[in-house]
Amino acid sequence: MHPSAIIVPPAVKNRVIAVTVLASFALSTAVNKLSFFDFIPSGTKTIILTVVISLAAAIIHPIPDDGDCE
């Protein structure tokens, strides 16, 4: 199965997910092309980017709290 088959359906329904996915592709490409980040192993780059991008998306567009938690 192609990886985009997992990403595209939710991204079609939610603009925030679509923008986040596109930003993650762009940032991943930029980090891999810039020689400044060559000292970081590729797996570590992936983990760092995942955390940074998800944190940014959560800060920019948080999920509203419906108050069901106790």
N, C-alpha and C. Protein backbone atom coordinates (compact mmCIF):
# COMPACT_ATOMS: atom_id res chain seq x y z
N MET A 1 0.85 -1.17 0.00
CA MET A 1 0.00 0.00 0.00
C MET A 1 0.90 1.24 0.00
N HIS A 2 0.53 2.21 -0.78
CA HIS A 2 1.29 3.46 -0.88
C HIS A 2 1.04 4.31 0.36
N PRO A 3 2.09 4.96 0.91
CA PRO A 3 1.90 5.77 2.14
C PRO A 3 0.85 6.87 2.00
N SER A 4 0.70 7.43 0.81
CA SER A 4 -0.29 8.50 0.65
C SER A 4 -1.71 7.98 0.80
N ALA A 5 -1.91 6.67 0.64
CA ALA A 5 -3.24 6.09 0.83
C ALA A 5 -3.69 6.21 2.28
N ILE A 6 -2.75 6.30 3.19
CA ILE A 6 -3.07 6.45 4.60
C ILE A 6 -3.29 7.92 4.96
N ILE A 7 -2.54 8.82 4.33
CA ILE A 7 -2.56 10.23 4.68
C ILE A 7 -3.67 11.00 3.97
N VAL A 8 -3.92 10.72 2.71
CA VAL A 8 -4.80 11.55 1.90
C VAL A 8 -6.26 11.56 2.36
N PRO A 9 -6.91 10.46 2.68
CA PRO A 9 -8.34 10.55 3.06
C PRO A 9 -8.63 11.49 4.23
N PRO A 10 -7.89 11.45 5.35
CA PRO A 10 -8.18 12.42 6.41
C PRO A 10 -7.84 13.86 5.98
N ALA A 11 -6.82 14.02 5.15
CA ALA A 11 -6.42 15.35 4.70
C ALA A 11 -7.47 15.99 3.80
N VAL A 12 -8.21 15.18 3.07
CA VAL A 12 -9.26 15.71 2.21
C VAL A 12 -10.40 16.28 3.05
N LYS A 13 -10.65 15.68 4.19
CA LYS A 13 -11.76 16.11 5.05
C LYS A 13 -11.39 17.26 5.98
N ASN A 14 -10.11 17.46 6.28
CA ASN A 14 -9.69 18.43 7.28
C ASN A 14 -8.53 19.27 6.73
N ARG A 15 -8.77 20.56 6.59
CA ARG A 15 -7.76 21.46 6.01
C ARG A 15 -6.51 21.55 6.89
N VAL A 16 -6.69 21.49 8.21
CA VAL A 16 -5.54 21.56 9.12
C VAL A 16 -4.62 20.37 8.90
N ILE A 17 -5.19 19.19 8.73
CA ILE A 17 -4.38 18.00 8.47
C ILE A 17 -3.66 18.14 7.14
N ALA A 18 -4.35 18.64 6.13
CA ALA A 18 -3.74 18.81 4.81
C ALA A 18 -2.54 19.75 4.87
N VAL A 19 -2.71 20.88 5.55
CA VAL A 19 -1.61 21.85 5.67
C VAL A 19 -0.46 21.25 6.47
N THR A 20 -0.78 20.52 7.52
CA THR A 20 0.25 19.90 8.35
C THR A 20 1.04 18.86 7.56
N VAL A 21 0.36 18.07 6.76
CA VAL A 21 1.02 17.06 5.94
C VAL A 21 1.93 17.72 4.91
N LEU A 22 1.43 18.76 4.24
CA LEU A 22 2.25 19.46 3.25
C LEU A 22 3.46 20.12 3.91
N ALA A 23 3.26 20.71 5.07
CA ALA A 23 4.37 21.33 5.80
C ALA A 23 5.40 20.28 6.22
N SER A 24 4.93 19.12 6.63
CA SER A 24 5.86 18.07 7.04
C SER A 24 6.69 17.57 5.86
N PHE A 25 6.07 17.43 4.68
CA PHE A 25 6.82 17.04 3.49
C PHE A 25 7.88 18.09 3.16
N ALA A 26 7.49 19.37 3.21
CA ALA A 26 8.42 20.46 2.87
C ALA A 26 9.57 20.53 3.88
N LEU A 27 9.25 20.46 5.17
CA LEU A 27 10.30 20.52 6.19
C LEU A 27 11.23 19.32 6.13
N SER A 28 10.68 18.16 5.88
CA SER A 28 11.49 16.96 5.77
C SER A 28 12.46 17.07 4.60
N THR A 29 11.97 17.55 3.48
CA THR A 29 12.83 17.74 2.31
C THR A 29 13.91 18.77 2.60
N ALA A 30 13.52 19.89 3.22
CA ALA A 30 14.49 20.94 3.52
C ALA A 30 15.57 20.44 4.47
N VAL A 31 15.19 19.72 5.51
CA VAL A 31 16.17 19.23 6.48
C VAL A 31 17.11 18.23 5.83
N ASN A 32 16.59 17.41 4.93
CA ASN A 32 17.45 16.42 4.26
C ASN A 32 18.38 17.06 3.23
N LYS A 33 17.99 18.19 2.66
CA LYS A 33 18.82 18.86 1.65
C LYS A 33 19.87 19.78 2.26
N LEU A 34 19.60 20.34 3.45
CA LEU A 34 20.54 21.27 4.06
C LEU A 34 21.70 20.51 4.70
N SER A 35 22.91 20.89 4.37
CA SER A 35 24.08 20.19 4.90
C SER A 35 24.30 20.47 6.38
N PHE A 36 23.66 21.51 6.90
CA PHE A 36 23.79 21.84 8.32
C PHE A 36 23.32 20.70 9.22
N PHE A 37 22.35 19.90 8.76
CA PHE A 37 21.78 18.83 9.57
C PHE A 37 22.39 17.46 9.28
N ASP A 38 23.51 17.42 8.56
CA ASP A 38 24.11 16.14 8.18
C ASP A 38 24.65 15.35 9.38
N PHE A 39 24.96 16.02 10.48
CA PHE A 39 25.52 15.32 11.64
C PHE A 39 24.45 14.54 12.42
N ILE A 40 23.17 14.81 12.12
CA ILE A 40 22.08 14.12 12.82
C ILE A 40 21.67 12.89 12.01
N PRO A 41 21.62 11.71 12.62
CA PRO A 41 21.17 10.51 11.90
C PRO A 41 19.73 10.68 11.38
N SER A 42 19.43 10.03 10.27
CA SER A 42 18.12 10.21 9.61
C SER A 42 16.95 9.82 10.51
N GLY A 43 17.11 8.77 11.30
CA GLY A 43 16.03 8.38 12.21
C GLY A 43 15.76 9.42 13.28
N THR A 44 16.82 10.04 13.77
CA THR A 44 16.68 11.09 14.76
C THR A 44 16.02 12.32 14.15
N LYS A 45 16.38 12.64 12.90
CA LYS A 45 15.73 13.76 12.20
C LYS A 45 14.24 13.51 12.08
N THR A 46 13.85 12.29 11.76
CA THR A 46 12.44 11.95 11.62
C THR A 46 11.71 12.14 12.95
N ILE A 47 12.29 11.68 14.03
CA ILE A 47 11.66 11.82 15.34
C ILE A 47 11.54 13.29 15.73
N ILE A 48 12.60 14.05 15.55
CA ILE A 48 12.58 15.48 15.89
C ILE A 48 11.53 16.21 15.07
N LEU A 49 11.51 15.97 13.76
CA LEU A 49 10.52 16.62 12.90
C LEU A 49 9.10 16.24 13.29
N THR A 50 8.87 14.98 13.62
CA THR A 50 7.54 14.53 14.02
C THR A 50 7.06 15.27 15.27
N VAL A 51 7.94 15.38 16.25
CA VAL A 51 7.57 16.06 17.49
C VAL A 51 7.35 17.55 17.24
N VAL A 52 8.25 18.19 16.51
CA VAL A 52 8.15 19.64 16.26
C VAL A 52 6.90 19.97 15.45
N ILE A 53 6.64 19.22 14.40
CA ILE A 53 5.48 19.50 13.54
C ILE A 53 4.18 19.23 14.28
N SER A 54 4.10 18.14 15.03
CA SER A 54 2.87 17.87 15.77
C SER A 54 2.65 18.88 16.88
N LEU A 55 3.71 19.32 17.53
CA LEU A 55 3.60 20.35 18.56
C LEU A 55 3.12 21.67 17.96
N ALA A 56 3.68 22.04 16.83
CA ALA A 56 3.26 23.28 16.16
C ALA A 56 1.79 23.20 15.75
N ALA A 57 1.38 22.07 15.20
CA ALA A 57 -0.03 21.91 14.79
C ALA A 57 -0.95 21.96 16.00
N ALA A 58 -0.54 21.37 17.10
CA ALA A 58 -1.37 21.38 18.31
C ALA A 58 -1.48 22.78 18.92
N ILE A 59 -0.41 23.55 18.83
CA ILE A 59 -0.44 24.92 19.36
C ILE A 59 -1.27 25.83 18.45
N ILE A 60 -1.08 25.69 17.15
CA ILE A 60 -1.79 26.55 16.20
C ILE A 60 -3.28 26.23 16.13
N HIS A 61 -3.61 24.95 16.15
CA HIS A 61 -5.02 24.55 16.03
C HIS A 61 -5.34 23.45 17.05
N PRO A 62 -5.54 23.81 18.32
CA PRO A 62 -5.83 22.79 19.34
C PRO A 62 -7.23 22.19 19.16
N ILE A 63 -7.38 20.97 19.61
CA ILE A 63 -8.69 20.32 19.60
C ILE A 63 -9.47 20.87 20.79
N PRO A 64 -10.69 21.35 20.55
CA PRO A 64 -11.47 21.92 21.66
C PRO A 64 -11.79 20.85 22.72
N ASP A 65 -11.74 21.28 23.98
CA ASP A 65 -12.06 20.40 25.08
C ASP A 65 -13.58 20.39 25.29
N ASP A 66 -14.20 19.22 25.23
CA ASP A 66 -15.65 19.13 25.39
C ASP A 66 -16.07 18.93 26.84
N GLY A 67 -15.09 18.84 27.75
CA GLY A 67 -15.40 18.77 29.17
C GLY A 67 -15.83 17.42 29.69
N ASP A 68 -15.65 16.34 28.94
CA ASP A 68 -16.07 15.01 29.37
C ASP A 68 -15.08 14.35 30.32
N CYS A 69 -13.85 14.84 30.39
CA CYS A 69 -12.85 14.25 31.24
C CYS A 69 -13.08 14.63 32.70
N GLU A 70 -12.80 13.68 33.58
CA GLU A 70 -12.96 13.96 35.02
C GLU A 70 -11.67 13.87 35.74
